[in-house]
Amino acid sequence: DFFQNTIVGKLGTKAMVVGFNHAFGKNREGDAEHLKQ
């Protein structure tokens, strides 16, 4: 929800750069591997 509604929907993001241990969202489920999918 945060990626779709805020990062893309609210900001208009076309690209992201993230760290190797990046994770966000409930229970930190939004790590780099999930984002790449």
Full PDB file with SEQRES, HELIX, SHEET, SSBOND, CRYST1, ORIGX, SCALE, CONECT and MASTER records, all heavy atoms in Angstrom:
SEQRES   1 A   37  ASP PHE PHE GLN ASN THR ILE VAL GLY LYS LEU GLY THR          
SEQRES   2 A   37  LYS ALA MET VAL VAL GLY PHE ASN HIS ALA PHE GLY LYS          
SEQRES   3 A   37  ASN ARG GLU GLY ASP ALA GLU HIS LEU LYS GLN                  
HELIX    1 AA1 PHE A    2  PHE A    2  1                                   1    
HELIX    2 AA2 PHE A    3  VAL A    8  3                                   6    
HELIX    3 AA3 LYS A   26  ARG A   28  5                                   3    
HELIX    4 AA4 ALA A   32  LYS A   36  1                                   5    
CRYST1    1.000    1.000    1.000  90.00  90.00  90.00 P 1           1          
ORIGX1      1.000000  0.000000  0.000000        0.00000                         
ORIGX2      0.000000  1.000000  0.000000        0.00000                         
ORIGX3      0.000000  0.000000  1.000000        0.00000                         
SCALE1      1.000000  0.000000  0.000000        0.00000                         
SCALE2      0.000000  1.000000  0.000000        0.00000                         
SCALE3      0.000000  0.000000  1.000000        0.00000                         
ATOM      1  N   ASP A   1       0.829  -1.207   0.000  1.00  0.00           N  
ATOM      2  CA  ASP A   1       0.000   0.000   0.000  1.00  0.00           C  
ATOM      3  C   ASP A   1       0.865   1.258   0.000  1.00  0.00           C  
ATOM      4  O   ASP A   1       0.570   2.221  -0.736  1.00  0.00           O  
ATOM      5  CB  ASP A   1      -0.912   0.018   1.236  1.00  0.00           C  
ATOM      6  CG  ASP A   1      -2.052  -0.976   1.123  1.00  0.00           C  
ATOM      7  OD1 ASP A   1      -2.312  -1.460   0.001  1.00  0.00           O  
ATOM      8  OD2 ASP A   1      -2.671  -1.292   2.159  1.00  0.00           O  
ATOM      9  N   PHE A   2       1.926   1.266   0.795  1.00  0.00           N  
ATOM     10  CA  PHE A   2       2.772   2.454   0.866  1.00  0.00           C  
ATOM     11  C   PHE A   2       3.486   2.690  -0.463  1.00  0.00           C  
ATOM     12  O   PHE A   2       3.586   3.830  -0.929  1.00  0.00           O  
ATOM     13  CB  PHE A   2       3.793   2.320   2.000  1.00  0.00           C  
ATOM     14  CG  PHE A   2       4.584   3.572   2.229  1.00  0.00           C  
ATOM     15  CD1 PHE A   2       4.015   4.663   2.870  1.00  0.00           C  
ATOM     16  CD2 PHE A   2       5.899   3.672   1.796  1.00  0.00           C  
ATOM     17  CE1 PHE A   2       4.737   5.834   3.074  1.00  0.00           C  
ATOM     18  CE2 PHE A   2       6.629   4.833   1.988  1.00  0.00           C  
ATOM     19  CZ  PHE A   2       6.044   5.914   2.631  1.00  0.00           C  
ATOM     20  N   PHE A   3       3.952   1.627  -1.075  1.00  0.00           N  
ATOM     21  CA  PHE A   3       4.650   1.772  -2.346  1.00  0.00           C  
ATOM     22  C   PHE A   3       3.701   2.269  -3.435  1.00  0.00           C  
ATOM     23  O   PHE A   3       4.009   3.215  -4.169  1.00  0.00           O  
ATOM     24  CB  PHE A   3       5.276   0.437  -2.759  1.00  0.00           C  
ATOM     25  CG  PHE A   3       6.142   0.542  -3.986  1.00  0.00           C  
ATOM     26  CD1 PHE A   3       7.445   0.991  -3.893  1.00  0.00           C  
ATOM     27  CD2 PHE A   3       5.634   0.206  -5.230  1.00  0.00           C  
ATOM     28  CE1 PHE A   3       8.240   1.101  -5.031  1.00  0.00           C  
ATOM     29  CE2 PHE A   3       6.418   0.315  -6.372  1.00  0.00           C  
ATOM     30  CZ  PHE A   3       7.724   0.767  -6.270  1.00  0.00           C  
ATOM     31  N   GLN A   4       2.541   1.648  -3.537  1.00  0.00           N  
ATOM     32  CA  GLN A   4       1.592   2.011  -4.583  1.00  0.00           C  
ATOM     33  C   GLN A   4       0.999   3.398  -4.368  1.00  0.00           C  
ATOM     34  O   GLN A   4       0.957   4.225  -5.299  1.00  0.00           O  
ATOM     35  CB  GLN A   4       0.463   0.976  -4.646  1.00  0.00           C  
ATOM     36  CG  GLN A   4       0.886  -0.390  -5.163  1.00  0.00           C  
ATOM     37  CD  GLN A   4      -0.273  -1.374  -5.168  1.00  0.00           C  
ATOM     38  OE1 GLN A   4      -1.212  -1.258  -4.374  1.00  0.00           O  
ATOM     39  NE2 GLN A   4      -0.218  -2.357  -6.055  1.00  0.00           N  
ATOM     40  N   ASN A   5       0.539   3.668  -3.139  1.00  0.00           N  
ATOM     41  CA  ASN A   5      -0.222   4.878  -2.885  1.00  0.00           C  
ATOM     42  C   ASN A   5       0.644   6.113  -2.624  1.00  0.00           C  
ATOM     43  O   ASN A   5       0.238   7.232  -2.969  1.00  0.00           O  
ATOM     44  CB  ASN A   5      -1.161   4.667  -1.693  1.00  0.00           C  
ATOM     45  CG  ASN A   5      -2.168   3.564  -1.947  1.00  0.00           C  
ATOM     46  OD1 ASN A   5      -2.544   3.301  -3.094  1.00  0.00           O  
ATOM     47  ND2 ASN A   5      -2.605   2.896  -0.886  1.00  0.00           N  
ATOM     48  N   THR A   6       1.810   5.899  -2.009  1.00  0.00           N  
ATOM     49  CA  THR A   6       2.651   7.042  -1.640  1.00  0.00           C  
ATOM     50  C   THR A   6       3.842   7.204  -2.575  1.00  0.00           C  
ATOM     51  O   THR A   6       3.978   8.237  -3.247  1.00  0.00           O  
ATOM     52  CB  THR A   6       3.143   6.910  -0.184  1.00  0.00           C  
ATOM     53  OG1 THR A   6       2.003   6.904   0.686  1.00  0.00           O  
ATOM     54  CG2 THR A   6       4.055   8.057   0.194  1.00  0.00           C  
ATOM     55  N   ILE A   7       4.693   6.203  -2.638  1.00  0.00           N  
ATOM     56  CA  ILE A   7       5.922   6.334  -3.418  1.00  0.00           C  
ATOM     57  C   ILE A   7       5.616   6.555  -4.892  1.00  0.00           C  
ATOM     58  O   ILE A   7       6.207   7.427  -5.551  1.00  0.00           O  
ATOM     59  CB  ILE A   7       6.829   5.100  -3.208  1.00  0.00           C  
ATOM     60  CG1 ILE A   7       7.306   5.062  -1.751  1.00  0.00           C  
ATOM     61  CG2 ILE A   7       8.023   5.135  -4.165  1.00  0.00           C  
ATOM     62  CD1 ILE A   7       8.140   3.850  -1.397  1.00  0.00           C  
ATOM     63  N   VAL A   8       4.654   5.805  -5.419  1.00  0.00           N  
ATOM     64  CA  VAL A   8       4.287   5.962  -6.829  1.00  0.00           C  
ATOM     65  C   VAL A   8       3.136   6.956  -6.996  1.00  0.00           C  
ATOM     66  O   VAL A   8       3.239   7.937  -7.741  1.00  0.00           O  
ATOM     67  CB  VAL A   8       3.913   4.603  -7.447  1.00  0.00           C  
ATOM     68  CG1 VAL A   8       3.497   4.791  -8.912  1.00  0.00           C  
ATOM     69  CG2 VAL A   8       5.098   3.638  -7.358  1.00  0.00           C  
ATOM     70  N   GLY A   9       2.037   6.713  -6.281  1.00  0.00           N  
ATOM     71  CA  GLY A   9       0.843   7.525  -6.482  1.00  0.00           C  
ATOM     72  C   GLY A   9       0.975   8.962  -6.022  1.00  0.00           C  
ATOM     73  O   GLY A   9       0.548   9.892  -6.714  1.00  0.00           O  
ATOM     74  N   LYS A  10       1.561   9.172  -4.850  1.00  0.00           N  
ATOM     75  CA  LYS A  10       1.661  10.520  -4.281  1.00  0.00           C  
ATOM     76  C   LYS A  10       2.835  11.308  -4.849  1.00  0.00           C  
ATOM     77  O   LYS A  10       2.709  12.501  -5.148  1.00  0.00           O  
ATOM     78  CB  LYS A  10       1.794  10.417  -2.754  1.00  0.00           C  
ATOM     79  CG  LYS A  10       1.961  11.746  -2.023  1.00  0.00           C  
ATOM     80  CD  LYS A  10       0.685  12.561  -2.032  1.00  0.00           C  
ATOM     81  CE  LYS A  10       0.824  13.813  -1.181  1.00  0.00           C  
ATOM     82  NZ  LYS A  10      -0.390  14.663  -1.255  1.00  0.00           N  
ATOM     83  N   LEU A  11       3.984  10.628  -5.028  1.00  0.00           N  
ATOM     84  CA  LEU A  11       5.194  11.338  -5.445  1.00  0.00           C  
ATOM     85  C   LEU A  11       5.442  11.297  -6.947  1.00  0.00           C  
ATOM     86  O   LEU A  11       6.091  12.173  -7.500  1.00  0.00           O  
ATOM     87  CB  LEU A  11       6.416  10.766  -4.718  1.00  0.00           C  
ATOM     88  CG  LEU A  11       6.431  10.896  -3.192  1.00  0.00           C  
ATOM     89  CD1 LEU A  11       7.691  10.240  -2.633  1.00  0.00           C  
ATOM     90  CD2 LEU A  11       6.363  12.347  -2.760  1.00  0.00           C  
ATOM     91  N   GLY A  12       4.966  10.236  -7.607  1.00  0.00           N  
ATOM     92  CA  GLY A  12       5.226  10.087  -9.028  1.00  0.00           C  
ATOM     93  C   GLY A  12       6.551   9.408  -9.332  1.00  0.00           C  
ATOM     94  O   GLY A  12       7.147   9.630 -10.401  1.00  0.00           O  
ATOM     95  N   THR A  13       7.029   8.573  -8.422  1.00  0.00           N  
ATOM     96  CA  THR A  13       8.350   7.963  -8.542  1.00  0.00           C  
ATOM     97  C   THR A  13       8.451   7.029  -9.743  1.00  0.00           C  
ATOM     98  O   THR A  13       7.583   6.201  -9.979  1.00  0.00           O  
ATOM     99  CB  THR A  13       8.678   7.193  -7.248  1.00  0.00           C  
ATOM    100  OG1 THR A  13       8.645   8.111  -6.147  1.00  0.00           O  
ATOM    101  CG2 THR A  13      10.038   6.525  -7.327  1.00  0.00           C  
ATOM    102  N   LYS A  14       9.576   7.174 -10.474  1.00  0.00           N  
ATOM    103  CA  LYS A  14       9.857   6.307 -11.616  1.00  0.00           C  
ATOM    104  C   LYS A  14      11.039   5.383 -11.354  1.00  0.00           C  
ATOM    105  O   LYS A  14      11.257   4.416 -12.090  1.00  0.00           O  
ATOM    106  CB  LYS A  14      10.148   7.152 -12.868  1.00  0.00           C  
ATOM    107  CG  LYS A  14       8.914   7.808 -13.453  1.00  0.00           C  
ATOM    108  CD  LYS A  14       7.937   6.749 -13.989  1.00  0.00           C  
ATOM    109  CE  LYS A  14       6.707   7.379 -14.631  1.00  0.00           C  
ATOM    110  NZ  LYS A  14       5.815   8.024 -13.644  1.00  0.00           N  
ATOM    111  N   ALA A  15      11.841   5.684 -10.331  1.00  0.00           N  
ATOM    112  CA  ALA A  15      13.000   4.854 -10.001  1.00  0.00           C  
ATOM    113  C   ALA A  15      13.296   4.997  -8.512  1.00  0.00           C  
ATOM    114  O   ALA A  15      12.991   6.018  -7.897  1.00  0.00           O  
ATOM    115  CB  ALA A  15      14.216   5.263 -10.830  1.00  0.00           C  
ATOM    116  N   MET A  16      13.902   3.937  -7.948  1.00  0.00           N  
ATOM    117  CA  MET A  16      14.311   3.968  -6.540  1.00  0.00           C  
ATOM    118  C   MET A  16      15.722   3.417  -6.413  1.00  0.00           C  
ATOM    119  O   MET A  16      16.132   2.529  -7.161  1.00  0.00           O  
ATOM    120  CB  MET A  16      13.367   3.136  -5.666  1.00  0.00           C  
ATOM    121  CG  MET A  16      12.027   3.786  -5.369  1.00  0.00           C  
ATOM    122  SD  MET A  16      11.154   2.915  -4.028  1.00  0.00           S  
ATOM    123  CE  MET A  16      12.060   3.469  -2.583  1.00  0.00           C  
ATOM    124  N   VAL A  17      16.440   3.952  -5.451  1.00  0.00           N  
ATOM    125  CA  VAL A  17      17.734   3.412  -5.044  1.00  0.00           C  
ATOM    126  C   VAL A  17      17.608   3.065  -3.564  1.00  0.00           C  
ATOM    127  O   VAL A  17      17.186   3.899  -2.760  1.00  0.00           O  
ATOM    128  CB  VAL A  17      18.864   4.436  -5.259  1.00  0.00           C  
ATOM    129  CG1 VAL A  17      20.172   3.914  -4.686  1.00  0.00           C  
ATOM    130  CG2 VAL A  17      19.021   4.757  -6.735  1.00  0.00           C  
ATOM    131  N   VAL A  18      17.946   1.824  -3.207  1.00  0.00           N  
ATOM    132  CA  VAL A  18      17.772   1.375  -1.830  1.00  0.00           C  
ATOM    133  C   VAL A  18      19.041   0.689  -1.345  1.00  0.00           C  
ATOM    134  O   VAL A  18      19.841   0.188  -2.136  1.00  0.00           O  
ATOM    135  CB  VAL A  18      16.572   0.409  -1.688  1.00  0.00           C  
ATOM    136  CG1 VAL A  18      15.272   1.100  -2.077  1.00  0.00           C  
ATOM    137  CG2 VAL A  18      16.779  -0.854  -2.519  1.00  0.00           C  
ATOM    138  N   GLY A  19      19.218   0.643  -0.014  1.00  0.00           N  
ATOM    139  CA  GLY A  19      20.357  -0.028   0.583  1.00  0.00           C  
ATOM    140  C   GLY A  19      20.145  -1.523   0.665  1.00  0.00           C  
ATOM    141  O   GLY A  19      19.021  -2.023   0.546  1.00  0.00           O  
ATOM    142  N   PHE A  20      21.225  -2.246   0.920  1.00  0.00           N  
ATOM    143  CA  PHE A  20      21.168  -3.708   0.942  1.00  0.00           C  
ATOM    144  C   PHE A  20      20.281  -4.238   2.062  1.00  0.00           C  
ATOM    145  O   PHE A  20      19.686  -5.308   1.947  1.00  0.00           O  
ATOM    146  CB  PHE A  20      22.585  -4.283   1.095  1.00  0.00           C  
ATOM    147  CG  PHE A  20      23.154  -4.146   2.484  1.00  0.00           C  
ATOM    148  CD1 PHE A  20      23.159  -5.221   3.352  1.00  0.00           C  
ATOM    149  CD2 PHE A  20      23.674  -2.941   2.929  1.00  0.00           C  
ATOM    150  CE1 PHE A  20      23.682  -5.095   4.632  1.00  0.00           C  
ATOM    151  CE2 PHE A  20      24.203  -2.808   4.195  1.00  0.00           C  
ATOM    152  CZ  PHE A  20      24.206  -3.883   5.055  1.00  0.00           C  
ATOM    153  N   ASN A  21      20.184  -3.494   3.164  1.00  0.00           N  
ATOM    154  CA  ASN A  21      19.361  -3.937   4.296  1.00  0.00           C  
ATOM    155  C   ASN A  21      18.070  -3.147   4.401  1.00  0.00           C  
ATOM    156  O   ASN A  21      17.441  -3.077   5.448  1.00  0.00           O  
ATOM    157  CB  ASN A  21      20.143  -3.810   5.603  1.00  0.00           C  
ATOM    158  CG  ASN A  21      20.592  -2.382   5.875  1.00  0.00           C  
ATOM    159  OD1 ASN A  21      20.484  -1.513   5.008  1.00  0.00           O  
ATOM    160  ND2 ASN A  21      21.104  -2.137   7.067  1.00  0.00           N  
ATOM    161  N   HIS A  22      17.667  -2.555   3.276  1.00  0.00           N  
ATOM    162  CA  HIS A  22      16.456  -1.731   3.234  1.00  0.00           C  
ATOM    163  C   HIS A  22      15.215  -2.574   3.498  1.00  0.00           C  
ATOM    164  O   HIS A  22      15.062  -3.677   2.962  1.00  0.00           O  
ATOM    165  CB  HIS A  22      16.361  -1.090   1.841  1.00  0.00           C  
ATOM    166  CG  HIS A  22      15.081  -0.374   1.584  1.00  0.00           C  
ATOM    167  ND1 HIS A  22      14.885   0.946   1.931  1.00  0.00           N  
ATOM    168  CD2 HIS A  22      13.924  -0.786   1.007  1.00  0.00           C  
ATOM    169  CE1 HIS A  22      13.664   1.307   1.570  1.00  0.00           C  
ATOM    170  NE2 HIS A  22      13.072   0.285   1.014  1.00  0.00           N  
ATOM    171  N   ALA A  23      14.314  -2.054   4.316  1.00  0.00           N  
ATOM    172  CA  ALA A  23      13.028  -2.711   4.550  1.00  0.00           C  
ATOM    173  C   ALA A  23      12.065  -1.687   5.141  1.00  0.00           C  
ATOM    174  O   ALA A  23      12.459  -0.846   5.945  1.00  0.00           O  
ATOM    175  CB  ALA A  23      13.177  -3.896   5.496  1.00  0.00           C  
ATOM    176  N   PHE A  24      10.804  -1.756   4.738  1.00  0.00           N  
ATOM    177  CA  PHE A  24       9.803  -0.826   5.264  1.00  0.00           C  
ATOM    178  C   PHE A  24       8.456  -1.500   5.263  1.00  0.00           C  
ATOM    179  O   PHE A  24       8.281  -2.609   4.756  1.00  0.00           O  
ATOM    180  CB  PHE A  24       9.772   0.467   4.430  1.00  0.00           C  
ATOM    181  CG  PHE A  24       9.272   0.282   3.018  1.00  0.00           C  
ATOM    182  CD1 PHE A  24       7.948   0.544   2.695  1.00  0.00           C  
ATOM    183  CD2 PHE A  24      10.123  -0.158   2.011  1.00  0.00           C  
ATOM    184  CE1 PHE A  24       7.484   0.372   1.400  1.00  0.00           C  
ATOM    185  CE2 PHE A  24       9.672  -0.323   0.712  1.00  0.00           C  
ATOM    186  CZ  PHE A  24       8.347  -0.059   0.409  1.00  0.00           C  
ATOM    187  N   GLY A  25       7.476  -0.821   5.823  1.00  0.00           N  
ATOM    188  CA  GLY A  25       6.126  -1.359   5.892  1.00  0.00           C  
ATOM    189  C   GLY A  25       5.934  -2.265   7.096  1.00  0.00           C  
ATOM    190  O   GLY A  25       6.861  -2.539   7.858  1.00  0.00           O  
ATOM    191  N   LYS A  26       4.718  -2.708   7.295  1.00  0.00           N  
ATOM    192  CA  LYS A  26       4.373  -3.556   8.427  1.00  0.00           C  
ATOM    193  C   LYS A  26       5.284  -4.773   8.488  1.00  0.00           C  
ATOM    194  O   LYS A  26       5.506  -5.454   7.486  1.00  0.00           O  
ATOM    195  CB  LYS A  26       2.912  -3.999   8.308  1.00  0.00           C  
ATOM    196  CG  LYS A  26       2.419  -4.802   9.503  1.00  0.00           C  
ATOM    197  CD  LYS A  26       0.956  -5.169   9.347  1.00  0.00           C  
ATOM    198  CE  LYS A  26       0.457  -5.969  10.535  1.00  0.00           C  
ATOM    199  NZ  LYS A  26      -0.986  -6.324  10.382  1.00  0.00           N  
ATOM    200  N   ASN A  27       5.878  -4.990   9.671  1.00  0.00           N  
ATOM    201  CA  ASN A  27       6.802  -6.109   9.904  1.00  0.00           C  
ATOM    202  C   ASN A  27       8.028  -6.054   8.995  1.00  0.00           C  
ATOM    203  O   ASN A  27       8.685  -7.068   8.769  1.00  0.00           O  
ATOM    204  CB  ASN A  27       6.090  -7.456   9.735  1.00  0.00           C  
ATOM    205  CG  ASN A  27       4.940  -7.635  10.687  1.00  0.00           C  
ATOM    206  OD1 ASN A  27       5.004  -7.200  11.835  1.00  0.00           O  
ATOM    207  ND2 ASN A  27       3.861  -8.241  10.212  1.00  0.00           N  
ATOM    208  N   ARG A  28       8.318  -4.885   8.457  1.00  0.00           N  
ATOM    209  CA  ARG A  28       9.498  -4.685   7.598  1.00  0.00           C  
ATOM    210  C   ARG A  28       9.516  -5.680   6.428  1.00  0.00           C  
ATOM    211  O   ARG A  28      10.552  -6.202   6.019  1.00  0.00           O  
ATOM    212  CB  ARG A  28      10.787  -4.814   8.425  1.00  0.00           C  
ATOM    213  CG  ARG A  28      10.976  -3.670   9.410  1.00  0.00           C  
ATOM    214  CD  ARG A  28      12.235  -3.841  10.249  1.00  0.00           C  
ATOM    215  NE  ARG A  28      13.438  -3.974   9.433  1.00  0.00           N  
ATOM    216  CZ  ARG A  28      14.119  -2.964   8.918  1.00  0.00           C  
ATOM    217  NH1 ARG A  28      13.692  -1.718   9.125  1.00  0.00           N  
ATOM    218  NH2 ARG A  28      15.205  -3.162   8.210  1.00  0.00           N  
ATOM    219  N   GLU A  29       8.352  -5.899   5.851  1.00  0.00           N  
ATOM    220  CA  GLU A  29       8.252  -6.870   4.759  1.00  0.00           C  
ATOM    221  C   GLU A  29       8.716  -6.306   3.419  1.00  0.00           C  
ATOM    222  O   GLU A  29       8.988  -7.059   2.483  1.00  0.00           O  
ATOM    223  CB  GLU A  29       6.808  -7.369   4.644  1.00  0.00           C  
ATOM    224  CG  GLU A  29       6.355  -8.179   5.853  1.00  0.00           C  
ATOM    225  CD  GLU A  29       4.876  -8.530   5.795  1.00  0.00           C  
ATOM    226  OE1 GLU A  29       4.159  -7.903   4.981  1.00  0.00           O  
ATOM    227  OE2 GLU A  29       4.442  -9.394   6.568  1.00  0.00           O  
ATOM    228  N   GLY A  30       8.792  -4.981   3.307  1.00  0.00           N  
ATOM    229  CA  GLY A  30       9.162  -4.369   2.031  1.00  0.00           C  
ATOM    230  C   GLY A  30      10.653  -4.285   1.833  1.00  0.00           C  
ATOM    231  O   GLY A  30      11.228  -3.186   1.745  1.00  0.00           O  
ATOM    232  N   ASP A  31      11.327  -5.439   1.745  1.00  0.00           N  
ATOM    233  CA  ASP A  31      12.770  -5.431   1.515  1.00  0.00           C  
ATOM    234  C   ASP A  31      13.059  -5.327   0.020  1.00  0.00           C  
ATOM    235  O   ASP A  31      12.156  -5.271  -0.818  1.00  0.00           O  
ATOM    236  CB  ASP A  31      13.422  -6.675   2.113  1.00  0.00           C  
ATOM    237  CG  ASP A  31      12.822  -7.976   1.580  1.00  0.00           C  
ATOM    238  OD1 ASP A  31      12.193  -7.967   0.501  1.00  0.00           O  
ATOM    239  OD2 ASP A  31      12.987  -9.015   2.245  1.00  0.00           O  
ATOM    240  N   ALA A  32      14.353  -5.306  -0.314  1.00  0.00           N  
ATOM    241  CA  ALA A  32      14.749  -5.091  -1.703  1.00  0.00           C  
ATOM    242  C   ALA A  32      14.208  -6.173  -2.632  1.00  0.00           C  
ATOM    243  O   ALA A  32      13.797  -5.892  -3.767  1.00  0.00           O  
ATOM    244  CB  ALA A  32      16.272  -5.018  -1.797  1.00  0.00           C  
ATOM    245  N   GLU A  33      14.219  -7.408  -2.190  1.00  0.00           N  
ATOM    246  CA  GLU A  33      13.746  -8.505  -3.044  1.00  0.00           C  
ATOM    247  C   GLU A  33      12.261  -8.379  -3.354  1.00  0.00           C  
ATOM    248  O   GLU A  33      11.829  -8.593  -4.486  1.00  0.00           O  
ATOM    249  CB  GLU A  33      14.049  -9.853  -2.374  1.00  0.00           C  
ATOM    250  CG  GLU A  33      15.530 -10.182  -2.308  1.00  0.00           C  
ATOM    251  CD  GLU A  33      16.213 -10.075  -3.675  1.00  0.00           C  
ATOM    252  OE1 GLU A  33      15.679 -10.647  -4.649  1.00  0.00           O  
ATOM    253  OE2 GLU A  33      17.254  -9.420  -3.770  1.00  0.00           O  
ATOM    254  N   HIS A  34      11.467  -8.027  -2.340  1.00  0.00           N  
ATOM    255  CA  HIS A  34      10.036  -7.842  -2.595  1.00  0.00           C  
ATOM    256  C   HIS A  34       9.793  -6.650  -3.519  1.00  0.00           C  
ATOM    257  O   HIS A  34       8.917  -6.682  -4.384  1.00  0.00           O  
ATOM    258  CB  HIS A  34       9.278  -7.641  -1.279  1.00  0.00           C  
ATOM    259  CG  HIS A  34       9.035  -8.914  -0.523  1.00  0.00           C  
ATOM    260  ND1 HIS A  34       9.846  -9.356   0.477  1.00  0.00           N  
ATOM    261  CD2 HIS A  34       8.054  -9.856  -0.656  1.00  0.00           C  
ATOM    262  CE1 HIS A  34       9.396 -10.508   0.953  1.00  0.00           C  
ATOM    263  NE2 HIS A  34       8.305 -10.835   0.286  1.00  0.00           N  
ATOM    264  N   LEU A  35      10.589  -5.579  -3.313  1.00  0.00           N  
ATOM    265  CA  LEU A  35      10.434  -4.407  -4.172  1.00  0.00           C  
ATOM    266  C   LEU A  35      10.760  -4.728  -5.623  1.00  0.00           C  
ATOM    267  O   LEU A  35      10.095  -4.249  -6.548  1.00  0.00           O  
ATOM    268  CB  LEU A  35      11.341  -3.274  -3.689  1.00  0.00           C  
ATOM    269  CG  LEU A  35      10.809  -2.365  -2.578  1.00  0.00           C  
ATOM    270  CD1 LEU A  35      11.803  -1.251  -2.309  1.00  0.00           C  
ATOM    271  CD2 LEU A  35       9.447  -1.785  -2.935  1.00  0.00           C  
ATOM    272  N   LYS A  36      11.782  -5.535  -5.837  1.00  0.00           N  
ATOM    273  CA  LYS A  36      12.177  -5.884  -7.205  1.00  0.00           C  
ATOM    274  C   LYS A  36      11.086  -6.679  -7.926  1.00  0.00           C  
ATOM    275  O   LYS A  36      11.001  -6.663  -9.159  1.00  0.00           O  
ATOM    276  CB  LYS A  36      13.474  -6.690  -7.180  1.00  0.00           C  
ATOM    277  CG  LYS A  36      14.697  -5.862  -6.811  1.00  0.00           C  
ATOM    278  CD  LYS A  36      15.937  -6.732  -6.699  1.00  0.00           C  
ATOM    279  CE  LYS A  36      17.147  -5.928  -6.246  1.00  0.00           C  
ATOM    280  NZ  LYS A  36      18.349  -6.775  -6.057  1.00  0.00           N  
ATOM    281  N   GLN A  37      10.249  -7.371  -7.165  1.00  0.00           N  
ATOM    282  CA  GLN A  37       9.124  -8.096  -7.754  1.00  0.00           C  
ATOM    283  C   GLN A  37       7.931  -7.178  -8.003  1.00  0.00           C  
ATOM    284  O   GLN A  37       7.246  -7.301  -9.026  1.00  0.00           O  
ATOM    285  CB  GLN A  37       8.700  -9.242  -6.819  1.00  0.00           C  
ATOM    286  CG  GLN A  37       9.770 -10.298  -6.608  1.00  0.00           C  
ATOM    287  CD  GLN A  37       9.376 -11.320  -5.564  1.00  0.00           C  
ATOM    288  OE1 GLN A  37       8.195 -11.543  -5.309  1.00  0.00           O  
ATOM    289  NE2 GLN A  37      10.361 -11.938  -4.931  1.00  0.00           N  
TER     290      GLN A  37                                                      
MASTER        0    0    0    4    0    0    0    6  289    1    0    3          
END                                                                             
